[in-house]
């Protein structure tokens, strides 16, 4: 996976937009399925996960945080 610099961070050139996981396109998706999706994306090299307070509020950050908790320090 190609990476790009964002300030002092190095992020994957391809990111995963997480808005639709908790809002915007109907009812929230199944949490377990979305956690599996986020972790699969990470396993494929994705390190840029797009979230915002507006997608909840805080529901999206909670979901992404739970999904990334085991790999947060990597």
Protein backbone atom coordinates (compact mmCIF):
# COMPACT_ATOMS: atom_id res chain seq x y z
CA UNK A 1 0.00 0.00 0.00
CA UNK A 2 1.35 3.40 -0.96
CA UNK A 3 1.63 5.92 1.90
CA UNK A 4 1.53 9.72 1.94
CA UNK A 5 2.66 12.27 4.48
CA UNK A 6 0.02 14.27 6.33
CA UNK A 7 2.00 16.57 8.58
CA UNK A 8 4.11 14.25 10.70
CA UNK A 9 1.89 11.24 9.96
CA UNK A 10 2.33 8.65 7.25
CA UNK A 11 -1.08 7.42 6.09
CA UNK A 12 -2.24 4.97 3.46
CA UNK A 13 -3.01 6.62 0.13
CA UNK A 14 -6.39 4.86 0.21
CA UNK A 15 -8.62 5.57 3.18
CA UNK A 16 -11.87 4.12 4.48
CA UNK A 17 -14.78 6.52 4.89
CA UNK A 18 -16.75 5.45 7.95
CA UNK A 19 -19.75 7.83 7.81
CA UNK A 20 -22.21 5.30 6.44
CA UNK A 21 -21.44 2.86 9.22
CA UNK A 22 -23.41 4.81 11.82
CA UNK A 23 -25.43 7.44 9.95
CA UNK A 24 -26.40 9.18 6.73
CA UNK A 25 -27.56 6.24 4.60
CA UNK A 26 -30.35 4.80 6.74
CA UNK A 27 -30.16 3.01 10.07
CA UNK A 28 -26.74 2.19 11.53
CA UNK A 29 -25.09 -0.89 10.11
CA UNK A 30 -24.41 -3.95 12.26
CA UNK A 31 -21.57 -3.01 14.62
CA UNK A 32 -19.89 -6.41 14.52
CA UNK A 33 -19.86 -6.38 10.72
CA UNK A 34 -18.45 -2.84 10.60
CA UNK A 35 -15.74 -3.70 13.13
CA UNK A 36 -14.79 -6.69 10.99
CA UNK A 37 -14.73 -4.43 7.90
CA UNK A 38 -12.46 -1.86 9.58
CA UNK A 39 -10.08 -4.57 10.79
CA UNK A 40 -10.03 -6.19 7.34
CA UNK A 41 -9.19 -2.84 5.77
CA UNK A 42 -6.31 -2.45 8.23
CA UNK A 43 -5.08 -5.96 7.38
CA UNK A 44 -5.02 -4.86 3.72
CA UNK A 45 -2.87 -1.83 4.57
CA UNK A 46 -5.42 0.93 5.17
CA UNK A 47 -4.32 3.27 7.97
CA UNK A 48 -6.54 6.29 7.20
CA UNK A 49 -10.05 5.99 8.67
CA UNK A 50 -12.27 9.01 8.05
CA UNK A 51 -14.71 9.85 10.85
CA UNK A 52 -16.30 12.97 12.32
CA UNK A 53 -18.33 13.99 15.34
CA UNK A 54 -21.19 14.86 12.99
CA UNK A 55 -21.68 11.15 12.19
CA UNK A 56 -23.38 10.38 15.46
CA UNK A 57 -22.51 12.42 17.47
CA UNK A 58 -19.64 10.31 18.76
CA UNK A 59 -21.21 7.03 17.58
CA UNK A 60 -18.82 6.83 14.64
CA UNK A 61 -15.74 7.59 16.74
CA UNK A 62 -16.81 4.96 19.26
CA UNK A 63 -17.21 2.34 16.54
CA UNK A 64 -13.88 3.14 14.89
CA UNK A 65 -12.17 3.30 18.30
CA UNK A 66 -13.52 -0.11 19.27
CA UNK A 67 -12.44 -1.60 15.95
CA UNK A 68 -8.92 -0.17 16.17
CA UNK A 69 -8.35 -0.74 19.91
CA UNK A 70 -6.28 -3.92 19.42
CA UNK A 71 -3.99 -2.20 16.87
CA UNK A 72 -4.07 1.39 18.11
CA UNK A 73 -0.36 1.52 18.90
CA UNK A 74 0.78 0.19 15.51
